[in-house]
N, C-alpha and C. Protein backbone atom coordinates (compact mmCIF):
# COMPACT_ATOMS: atom_id res chain seq x y z
N MET A 1 54.26 95.58 112.89
CA MET A 1 54.81 95.48 112.56
C MET A 1 55.79 94.78 113.45
N ARG A 2 56.35 93.27 112.84
CA ARG A 2 57.20 92.59 112.79
C ARG A 2 58.53 92.27 112.72
N THR A 3 59.47 91.99 113.17
CA THR A 3 61.25 91.59 112.50
C THR A 3 61.13 90.41 112.18
N ASP A 4 60.99 90.36 110.64
CA ASP A 4 62.03 88.53 110.09
C ASP A 4 62.85 88.04 110.90
N GLN A 5 62.88 86.80 111.11
CA GLN A 5 64.05 86.29 111.96
C GLN A 5 65.22 86.47 111.11
N ALA A 6 65.16 85.53 110.12
CA ALA A 6 66.20 84.92 109.20
C ALA A 6 66.60 86.71 108.57
N SER A 7 66.52 87.46 108.26
CA SER A 7 67.32 88.50 107.86
C SER A 7 66.87 89.73 108.26
N GLY A 8 66.18 90.17 110.15
CA GLY A 8 66.71 91.50 110.61
C GLY A 8 65.77 91.84 109.76
N SER A 9 65.08 92.07 109.24
CA SER A 9 64.09 93.03 108.17
C SER A 9 62.82 93.38 109.08
N ARG A 10 62.12 94.72 108.75
CA ARG A 10 60.96 95.06 109.39
C ARG A 10 60.28 94.83 108.16
N LEU A 11 59.17 93.68 108.71
CA LEU A 11 57.65 93.34 107.59
C LEU A 11 56.62 93.96 108.70
N GLN A 12 56.09 94.76 107.77
CA GLN A 12 54.35 94.51 108.24
C GLN A 12 53.56 94.11 107.23
N ALA A 13 53.12 92.48 108.53
CA ALA A 13 52.46 91.74 107.62
C ALA A 13 51.63 91.01 108.64
N THR A 14 50.78 90.34 108.46
CA THR A 14 49.45 89.75 109.06
C THR A 14 49.45 88.19 108.73
N GLY A 15 49.72 87.84 107.72
CA GLY A 15 49.72 86.32 107.40
C GLY A 15 51.59 85.28 107.05
N PRO A 16 51.72 84.29 107.18
CA PRO A 16 52.70 83.80 106.64
C PRO A 16 52.78 84.04 105.21
N GLY A 17 51.94 84.24 104.52
CA GLY A 17 51.83 84.21 103.10
C GLY A 17 52.84 85.78 102.51
N LEU A 18 52.35 87.13 103.44
CA LEU A 18 52.85 88.46 102.99
C LEU A 18 54.76 88.00 103.79
N ARG A 19 54.77 87.52 104.90
CA ARG A 19 56.03 87.59 105.29
C ARG A 19 56.88 86.95 104.88
N ALA A 20 56.26 85.56 103.66
CA ALA A 20 57.49 85.28 102.75
C ALA A 20 57.25 85.95 101.77
N ALA A 21 56.49 86.42 100.94
CA ALA A 21 56.61 87.67 99.92
C ALA A 21 57.57 88.51 100.50
N GLY A 22 58.00 89.10 101.53
CA GLY A 22 58.79 90.23 101.83
C GLY A 22 59.79 89.49 101.90
N ARG A 23 60.01 87.96 102.38
CA ARG A 23 61.50 87.64 102.12
C ARG A 23 62.01 87.29 100.96
N THR A 24 60.86 86.62 99.67
CA THR A 24 61.40 86.63 98.91
C THR A 24 61.73 87.75 98.07
N LEU A 25 61.25 89.20 97.98
CA LEU A 25 61.86 90.54 98.22
C LEU A 25 62.92 90.62 98.18
N LEU A 26 63.11 90.81 99.45
CA LEU A 26 64.41 90.87 100.13
C LEU A 26 65.39 90.40 99.68
N GLY A 27 65.35 88.53 98.95
CA GLY A 27 66.68 87.78 98.69
C GLY A 27 66.74 88.23 97.24
N LEU A 28 66.00 88.98 96.71
CA LEU A 28 66.01 89.15 95.21
C LEU A 28 66.91 90.34 94.79
N ALA A 29 66.38 91.58 95.85
CA ALA A 29 67.19 92.95 96.28
C ALA A 29 68.47 92.35 96.35
N VAL A 30 68.80 91.30 97.32
CA VAL A 30 70.24 91.29 97.44
C VAL A 30 70.58 90.52 96.55
N LEU A 31 70.39 89.49 95.60
CA LEU A 31 70.91 88.57 94.57
C LEU A 31 70.95 89.99 93.31
N ALA A 32 70.10 90.74 93.19
CA ALA A 32 70.35 92.03 92.48
C ALA A 32 71.49 92.73 92.61
N THR A 33 71.56 93.37 93.86
CA THR A 33 72.60 94.09 94.08
C THR A 33 74.04 93.30 93.89
N LEU A 34 73.95 91.98 94.02
CA LEU A 34 75.27 91.57 94.12
C LEU A 34 75.70 90.43 92.70
N GLY A 35 75.21 90.68 91.88
CA GLY A 35 74.60 90.43 90.14
C GLY A 35 75.41 91.70 89.70
N ALA A 36 74.60 92.69 90.11
CA ALA A 36 75.22 94.27 89.32
C ALA A 36 76.62 94.14 89.63
N CYS A 37 77.27 93.58 90.92
CA CYS A 37 78.56 93.93 91.23
C CYS A 37 79.50 92.60 90.73
N SER A 38 79.01 91.95 90.02
CA SER A 38 79.75 90.71 89.49
C SER A 38 80.40 91.73 88.10
N GLU A 39 81.43 90.85 87.99
CA GLU A 39 81.82 91.00 86.71
C GLU A 39 81.58 90.79 85.41
N GLY A 40 81.63 92.11 84.54
CA GLY A 40 81.11 91.75 82.85
C GLY A 40 79.37 92.61 82.88
N THR A 41 78.92 92.96 84.31
CA THR A 41 77.56 93.74 84.34
C THR A 41 78.06 95.13 84.69
N PRO A 42 76.86 95.62 84.09
CA PRO A 42 76.68 97.35 84.61
C PRO A 42 76.78 97.43 86.20
N THR A 43 77.33 98.46 86.73
CA THR A 43 76.97 98.62 87.73
C THR A 43 76.81 99.94 88.69
N GLN A 44 76.62 99.61 89.58
CA GLN A 44 75.70 100.95 89.98
C GLN A 44 76.55 101.70 90.71
N GLN A 45 76.68 102.71 91.16
CA GLN A 45 77.81 103.80 92.12
C GLN A 45 77.01 103.27 93.11
N VAL A 46 78.03 103.00 94.49
CA VAL A 46 77.80 102.63 95.56
C VAL A 46 78.57 103.54 96.80
N ALA A 47 78.06 103.99 97.54
CA ALA A 47 78.34 105.17 98.06
C ALA A 47 79.65 104.32 99.16
N VAL A 48 80.98 104.17 98.89
CA VAL A 48 81.80 103.83 99.65
C VAL A 48 82.58 104.85 100.10
N ARG A 49 82.74 105.19 101.72
CA ARG A 49 83.52 105.57 102.31
C ARG A 49 84.72 105.77 101.52
N LYS A 50 85.48 106.63 101.42
CA LYS A 50 87.18 106.98 101.26
C LYS A 50 88.11 106.39 102.32
N PRO A 51 89.14 105.54 102.28
CA PRO A 51 89.61 105.04 103.45
C PRO A 51 90.68 106.04 103.40
N VAL A 52 90.77 106.02 105.30
CA VAL A 52 91.59 107.65 105.66
C VAL A 52 92.95 106.94 106.04
N LEU A 53 93.59 108.31 105.67
CA LEU A 53 95.18 107.73 105.65
C LEU A 53 95.59 108.77 107.19
N SER A 54 96.22 108.47 108.16
CA SER A 54 96.39 108.68 109.49
C SER A 54 97.73 109.42 110.23
N LEU A 55 97.63 109.90 110.86
CA LEU A 55 99.27 110.12 111.67
C LEU A 55 98.82 109.28 113.24
N VAL A 56 99.21 108.68 113.67
CA VAL A 56 99.08 108.58 115.14
C VAL A 56 100.50 108.53 115.91
N GLN A 57 100.43 109.33 117.16
CA GLN A 57 101.44 109.28 117.81
C GLN A 57 101.23 108.43 118.69
N THR A 58 102.55 107.40 118.79
CA THR A 58 102.70 106.44 119.60
C THR A 58 103.74 106.15 120.51
N GLY A 59 104.51 107.41 120.81
CA GLY A 59 105.53 107.51 121.79
C GLY A 59 106.02 109.25 121.88
N VAL A 60 106.69 109.03 122.22
CA VAL A 60 107.53 110.59 122.47
C VAL A 60 108.13 110.40 120.96
N ARG A 61 108.13 111.49 120.11
CA ARG A 61 108.78 111.57 118.95
C ARG A 61 108.40 110.32 118.21
N ALA A 62 107.69 109.60 118.83
CA ALA A 62 107.17 108.50 117.40
C ALA A 62 105.75 108.41 116.86
N VAL A 63 105.73 108.41 115.42
CA VAL A 63 104.42 108.02 114.76
C VAL A 63 104.07 107.39 113.68
N GLU A 64 103.29 106.64 113.42
CA GLU A 64 102.91 105.65 112.65
C GLU A 64 101.96 106.50 111.88
N ILE A 65 101.96 105.85 110.19
CA ILE A 65 101.11 106.21 108.97
C ILE A 65 99.76 104.93 109.05
N ARG A 66 98.95 105.05 109.34
CA ARG A 66 97.88 104.21 109.44
C ARG A 66 96.88 104.19 108.31
N ILE A 67 96.27 103.46 107.94
CA ILE A 67 95.06 103.35 107.38
C ILE A 67 93.84 102.21 107.71
N THR A 68 92.68 103.05 107.33
CA THR A 68 91.49 102.71 108.26
C THR A 68 90.56 102.29 106.83
N GLY A 69 90.36 101.56 106.12
CA GLY A 69 89.11 101.32 105.16
C GLY A 69 88.94 100.33 105.16
N GLN A 70 87.48 100.09 104.39
CA GLN A 70 86.33 99.09 103.84
C GLN A 70 87.22 97.42 103.72
N ARG A 71 88.02 97.78 102.55
CA ARG A 71 89.02 96.60 102.37
C ARG A 71 90.19 97.11 101.65
N GLY A 72 91.29 96.20 101.52
CA GLY A 72 92.91 96.56 101.03
C GLY A 72 92.69 96.93 99.57
N LEU A 73 93.81 97.98 99.73
CA LEU A 73 93.86 98.49 97.95
C LEU A 73 95.04 97.55 97.71
N ARG A 74 95.63 97.44 96.42
CA ARG A 74 97.00 97.19 95.43
C ARG A 74 98.27 98.29 95.64
N ALA A 75 97.76 99.34 95.89
CA ALA A 75 99.00 100.07 95.97
C ALA A 75 98.46 101.67 96.44
N LEU A 76 99.21 102.12 97.31
CA LEU A 76 99.26 103.79 97.93
C LEU A 76 100.42 104.52 97.72
N GLN A 77 100.23 105.68 97.84
CA GLN A 77 100.99 106.55 97.50
C GLN A 77 100.55 107.87 98.38
N ALA A 78 101.28 108.77 98.84
CA ALA A 78 101.19 109.78 99.52
C ALA A 78 103.01 110.63 99.87
N THR A 79 102.37 111.82 100.38
CA THR A 79 103.88 112.66 100.40
C THR A 79 103.33 113.02 102.03
N LEU A 80 104.23 112.68 103.08
CA LEU A 80 104.56 113.06 104.55
C LEU A 80 105.12 114.90 104.38
N GLY A 81 104.62 115.65 105.31
CA GLY A 81 105.06 117.01 104.86
C GLY A 81 105.43 117.59 106.73
N TRP A 82 106.38 118.64 106.73
CA TRP A 82 106.59 118.81 108.27
C TRP A 82 106.94 120.60 107.56
N ASP A 83 107.46 121.02 108.84
CA ASP A 83 108.19 122.28 108.73
C ASP A 83 109.53 121.71 108.79
N ALA A 84 110.79 122.03 108.22
CA ALA A 84 112.15 121.79 107.91
C ALA A 84 112.63 122.50 109.53
N ALA A 85 112.01 123.91 109.23
CA ALA A 85 112.99 124.63 110.45
C ALA A 85 112.49 124.23 111.84
N THR A 86 111.35 123.61 112.00
CA THR A 86 111.18 122.41 113.58
C THR A 86 111.27 121.35 113.16
N LEU A 87 111.60 120.72 112.53
CA LEU A 87 111.43 119.33 112.65
C LEU A 87 112.01 118.18 111.35
N ARG A 88 112.76 117.36 111.71
CA ARG A 88 113.65 116.47 110.58
C ARG A 88 113.06 115.13 111.18
N LEU A 89 113.37 114.01 109.97
CA LEU A 89 112.93 112.63 110.45
C LEU A 89 114.64 111.55 110.81
N SER A 90 114.60 111.02 112.14
CA SER A 90 115.83 110.04 112.42
C SER A 90 115.40 108.76 111.26
N LYS A 91 114.16 108.15 111.56
CA LYS A 91 113.81 107.16 111.06
C LYS A 91 113.06 106.55 110.50
N VAL A 92 112.86 106.03 109.38
CA VAL A 92 111.11 105.39 108.58
C VAL A 92 111.42 104.08 108.54
N GLU A 93 110.60 103.38 108.90
CA GLU A 93 110.86 101.56 108.31
C GLU A 93 109.27 101.66 108.16
N PRO A 94 109.23 100.25 107.66
CA PRO A 94 107.81 99.66 107.25
C PRO A 94 107.09 99.58 108.59
N GLY A 95 105.56 99.45 108.70
CA GLY A 95 104.72 99.77 109.78
C GLY A 95 104.38 98.37 110.13
N ARG A 96 103.61 97.92 111.49
CA ARG A 96 103.65 95.96 111.51
C ARG A 96 102.55 95.28 110.41
N GLU A 97 101.81 95.87 109.96
CA GLU A 97 100.94 95.23 108.71
C GLU A 97 101.46 95.67 107.61
N SER A 98 102.55 96.00 107.41
CA SER A 98 103.13 96.09 105.75
C SER A 98 104.39 95.67 105.76
N LYS A 99 105.06 94.83 107.02
CA LYS A 99 106.44 94.16 106.46
C LYS A 99 106.52 93.29 105.89
N HIS A 100 105.68 92.43 105.61
CA HIS A 100 104.82 91.67 104.30
C HIS A 100 105.34 91.80 103.51
N LEU A 101 105.00 92.96 102.82
CA LEU A 101 104.81 93.37 101.49
C LEU A 101 106.24 93.85 100.77
N ASP A 102 106.61 93.60 100.05
CA ASP A 102 107.84 93.33 98.83
C ASP A 102 108.30 94.71 98.57
N ARG A 103 106.85 95.72 98.42
CA ARG A 103 107.50 96.98 97.78
C ARG A 103 106.79 98.38 98.82
N VAL A 104 107.48 98.33 99.64
CA VAL A 104 107.62 99.57 100.75
C VAL A 104 108.63 100.40 100.40
N PHE A 105 108.48 102.17 99.88
CA PHE A 105 109.58 102.87 99.67
C PHE A 105 108.81 104.19 100.13
N TRP A 106 110.44 104.83 100.39
CA TRP A 106 110.26 106.16 100.87
C TRP A 106 111.61 106.89 100.26
N ASN A 107 111.15 108.15 99.72
CA ASN A 107 113.03 108.69 99.70
C ASN A 107 113.76 108.96 101.06
N ASP A 108 114.81 108.94 100.84
CA ASP A 108 115.73 108.89 101.72
C ASP A 108 115.60 110.28 102.77
N PRO A 109 115.57 109.98 103.87
CA PRO A 109 115.17 110.57 105.28
C PRO A 109 115.98 111.41 105.51
N ALA A 110 117.02 111.08 105.60
CA ALA A 110 118.71 112.32 105.73
C ALA A 110 118.64 113.15 104.90
N LYS A 111 118.13 112.92 103.66
CA LYS A 111 117.94 114.60 102.68
C LYS A 111 116.71 114.97 102.83
N ALA A 112 115.68 114.52 102.81
CA ALA A 112 114.61 115.01 103.14
C ALA A 112 114.25 115.91 104.08
N SER A 113 113.92 117.28 103.09
CA SER A 113 113.73 118.65 103.94
C SER A 113 112.09 119.41 103.69
N GLY A 114 111.79 118.69 104.93
CA GLY A 114 110.39 119.52 104.56
C GLY A 114 109.09 118.34 103.87
N SER A 115 109.73 117.27 103.30
CA SER A 115 108.52 116.33 103.22
C SER A 115 109.24 115.21 102.54
N LEU A 116 108.49 114.08 103.05
CA LEU A 116 109.06 112.62 102.40
C LEU A 116 107.77 111.71 101.68
N LEU A 117 107.86 111.36 100.43
CA LEU A 117 107.10 110.78 99.52
C LEU A 117 107.50 109.04 100.15
N PHE A 118 106.12 108.27 100.31
CA PHE A 118 106.02 107.04 100.32
C PHE A 118 105.42 106.41 99.52
N GLY A 119 105.44 105.02 99.71
CA GLY A 119 104.50 104.17 98.80
C GLY A 119 104.52 102.82 99.62
N LEU A 120 103.32 101.93 99.22
CA LEU A 120 103.59 100.54 99.38
C LEU A 120 102.89 100.04 98.22
N ALA A 121 103.25 98.36 97.46
CA ALA A 121 102.72 97.67 97.02
C ALA A 121 103.04 96.54 96.88
N ASP A 122 102.74 95.42 96.33
CA ASP A 122 103.61 94.02 96.24
C ASP A 122 103.05 93.52 95.06
N THR A 123 104.19 93.25 94.27
CA THR A 123 104.77 92.33 93.27
C THR A 123 103.94 91.38 92.88
N ARG A 124 103.57 90.69 94.26
CA ARG A 124 103.07 89.04 94.27
C ARG A 124 101.75 89.42 94.58
N GLN A 125 101.03 90.47 93.88
CA GLN A 125 99.38 90.45 93.61
C GLN A 125 98.66 90.42 95.31
N VAL A 126 99.36 90.58 96.56
CA VAL A 126 99.44 90.82 98.04
C VAL A 126 98.67 92.28 98.09
N GLN A 127 97.35 91.82 98.85
CA GLN A 127 96.71 93.05 99.29
C GLN A 127 97.27 93.79 99.90
N LEU A 128 96.95 95.39 100.25
CA LEU A 128 97.57 96.20 101.22
C LEU A 128 96.44 95.77 102.11
N PRO A 129 96.85 95.81 103.48
CA PRO A 129 95.77 96.08 104.72
C PRO A 129 94.97 96.71 104.84
N ALA A 130 93.55 96.69 105.00
CA ALA A 130 92.73 97.32 105.05
C ALA A 130 92.60 98.56 106.52
N ARG A 131 93.18 97.79 107.57
CA ARG A 131 93.21 98.34 108.60
C ARG A 131 94.98 98.51 108.96
N GLY A 132 95.47 99.45 109.97
CA GLY A 132 96.55 99.13 110.55
C GLY A 132 97.99 100.50 110.17
N ALA A 133 99.10 99.90 110.46
CA ALA A 133 100.19 100.77 110.59
C ALA A 133 100.95 100.57 109.36
N LEU A 134 100.77 101.54 108.46
CA LEU A 134 102.10 101.36 107.09
C LEU A 134 103.17 101.64 107.38
N VAL A 135 103.67 102.67 108.21
CA VAL A 135 104.56 103.10 108.23
C VAL A 135 105.45 103.67 109.54
N GLN A 136 106.36 103.71 109.89
CA GLN A 136 106.55 104.16 111.43
C GLN A 136 107.44 105.07 110.99
N LEU A 137 107.64 106.00 111.94
CA LEU A 137 108.66 107.26 111.75
C LEU A 137 109.23 107.37 113.33
N GLN A 138 110.29 108.34 113.14
CA GLN A 138 111.08 108.31 114.38
C GLN A 138 111.35 109.84 114.02
N LEU A 139 110.94 111.03 114.89
CA LEU A 139 110.93 112.22 114.84
C LEU A 139 112.18 112.78 115.65
N LEU A 140 112.61 113.89 114.95
CA LEU A 140 114.13 114.92 116.03
C LEU A 140 113.63 116.25 115.65
N PRO A 141 113.24 117.26 116.93
CA PRO A 141 113.16 118.24 116.60
C PRO A 141 114.33 118.93 116.46
N VAL A 142 114.51 120.07 115.47
CA VAL A 142 115.49 120.88 114.97
C VAL A 142 116.30 121.88 116.40
N GLU A 143 115.87 121.95 116.98
CA GLU A 143 116.19 122.57 118.41
C GLU A 143 115.30 122.58 119.74
N ALA A 144 116.35 122.38 120.72
CA ALA A 144 115.89 121.61 122.13
C ALA A 144 114.74 122.60 122.35
N GLY A 145 113.65 121.97 122.68
CA GLY A 145 112.90 122.76 123.57
C GLY A 145 111.39 123.05 122.51
N GLN A 146 111.65 122.43 121.42
CA GLN A 146 110.51 122.67 120.72
C GLN A 146 109.64 121.58 121.18
N PRO A 147 108.24 121.68 121.67
CA PRO A 147 107.42 120.86 122.15
C PRO A 147 106.07 120.27 120.89
N LEU A 148 106.34 121.31 120.02
CA LEU A 148 105.18 120.51 119.55
C LEU A 148 105.36 120.88 117.60
N ALA A 149 105.05 119.91 116.75
CA ALA A 149 105.49 120.01 115.41
C ALA A 149 104.13 119.99 114.61
N THR A 150 103.80 119.65 113.69
CA THR A 150 102.91 119.96 112.87
C THR A 150 102.71 118.99 111.24
N LEU A 151 102.68 117.71 111.65
CA LEU A 151 103.07 116.62 110.18
C LEU A 151 101.45 116.80 109.56
N ARG A 152 102.29 116.76 107.95
CA ARG A 152 100.66 116.90 106.95
C ARG A 152 100.74 115.98 105.85
N LEU A 153 99.49 115.04 105.98
CA LEU A 153 99.75 113.97 104.50
C LEU A 153 98.84 114.51 103.52
N GLU A 154 99.61 114.64 102.37
CA GLU A 154 98.98 115.03 101.40
C GLU A 154 98.87 114.07 100.24
N SER A 155 99.10 114.89 99.10
CA SER A 155 98.89 113.87 98.15
C SER A 155 98.34 112.20 97.59
N ALA A 156 98.03 112.14 98.59
CA ALA A 156 97.43 110.47 99.10
C ALA A 156 96.26 109.97 98.11
N LEU A 157 97.10 108.81 97.34
CA LEU A 157 95.97 108.13 96.52
C LEU A 157 96.36 107.01 96.38
N GLY A 158 95.71 105.59 96.46
CA GLY A 158 95.69 104.25 96.16
C GLY A 158 95.00 104.12 94.97
N ALA A 159 95.00 102.48 95.24
CA ALA A 159 94.68 102.15 93.33
C ALA A 159 94.09 100.61 94.15
N ASP A 160 93.09 100.22 93.14
CA ASP A 160 92.02 99.09 93.99
C ASP A 160 92.63 98.11 92.81
N GLU A 161 91.90 97.07 93.09
CA GLU A 161 92.53 95.75 92.53
C GLU A 161 92.77 95.83 91.01
N GLY A 162 91.68 96.74 90.40
CA GLY A 162 92.02 96.56 88.68
C GLY A 162 92.70 97.86 88.03
N GLY A 163 93.57 98.74 89.59
CA GLY A 163 94.42 99.56 88.62
C GLY A 163 93.59 100.87 89.11
N VAL A 164 92.52 101.04 88.95
CA VAL A 164 91.62 102.22 89.18
C VAL A 164 91.95 103.31 90.48
N ALA A 165 92.17 104.14 90.56
CA ALA A 165 92.45 105.31 91.17
C ALA A 165 91.60 105.14 92.47
N VAL A 166 92.14 105.60 93.43
CA VAL A 166 90.90 105.27 94.93
C VAL A 166 91.66 106.15 95.90
N PRO A 167 90.48 107.75 95.57
CA PRO A 167 91.33 108.62 96.55
C PRO A 167 90.92 108.34 98.00
N LEU A 168 92.02 108.74 98.70
CA LEU A 168 92.29 108.61 100.21
C LEU A 168 91.77 109.75 100.89
N ASP A 169 91.65 109.77 102.45
CA ASP A 169 91.07 111.14 103.33
C ASP A 169 92.13 111.05 103.83
N PRO A 170 93.24 111.82 103.30
CA PRO A 170 94.59 112.15 104.67
C PRO A 170 94.15 113.26 105.75
N VAL A 171 94.40 112.65 106.68
CA VAL A 171 94.33 113.66 107.81
C VAL A 171 95.48 113.67 108.75
N SER A 172 95.59 115.47 108.70
CA SER A 172 97.23 115.77 109.04
C SER A 172 96.78 116.25 111.03
N ALA A 173 98.44 115.82 111.56
CA ALA A 173 98.32 115.99 112.92
C ALA A 173 99.26 116.54 113.80
N GLU A 174 98.87 117.15 114.75
CA GLU A 174 99.88 117.80 115.85
C GLU A 174 101.11 117.13 116.76
N VAL A 175 102.12 116.66 116.77
CA VAL A 175 102.65 115.98 117.77
C VAL A 175 103.95 116.48 118.66
N THR A 176 103.68 115.77 119.24
CA THR A 176 104.06 116.12 120.97
C THR A 176 106.03 115.32 120.57
N LEU A 177 106.93 116.89 121.04
CA LEU A 177 108.49 116.09 120.04
C LEU A 177 109.72 115.89 121.50
N ARG A 178 108.49 116.00 122.85
CA ARG A 178 109.45 116.17 124.09
C ARG A 178 108.95 115.25 124.99
């Protein structure tokens, strides 16, 4: 068993002819895969991990909504939920990786009572970042001394370049308030 230097593939070959045949078959498999993904040809379903939308505490009462995916989306929308009896939002602003987008929206944090709808897109056809901070949040406890609160990401949905819906994997978090 040898490893092909060009492709890193394991080949079971004893002579140069079999190694070359192995490389040719590997090359054809790669071309067939690339050709199947080109526009206008039928495509095979490829297992792609869903982009993950998560909450990351970056400081006391500070949280970022981040995305981790394999490629950028064209648009994204989700709802942030929490217990309005324990927490309220004091500030919402675009994250580091979304400040260049021309459509970053959310409902009024002052009027948000337990949920905040937010979304990102760009009319200039700029893709969203595949990874990074999309939204920054500042939290305030309703009662002094409240140590923890749970934030939930719900109804998370993205759209790819063709406008096809891309389900996102939302991850909730417990955050420290003091």
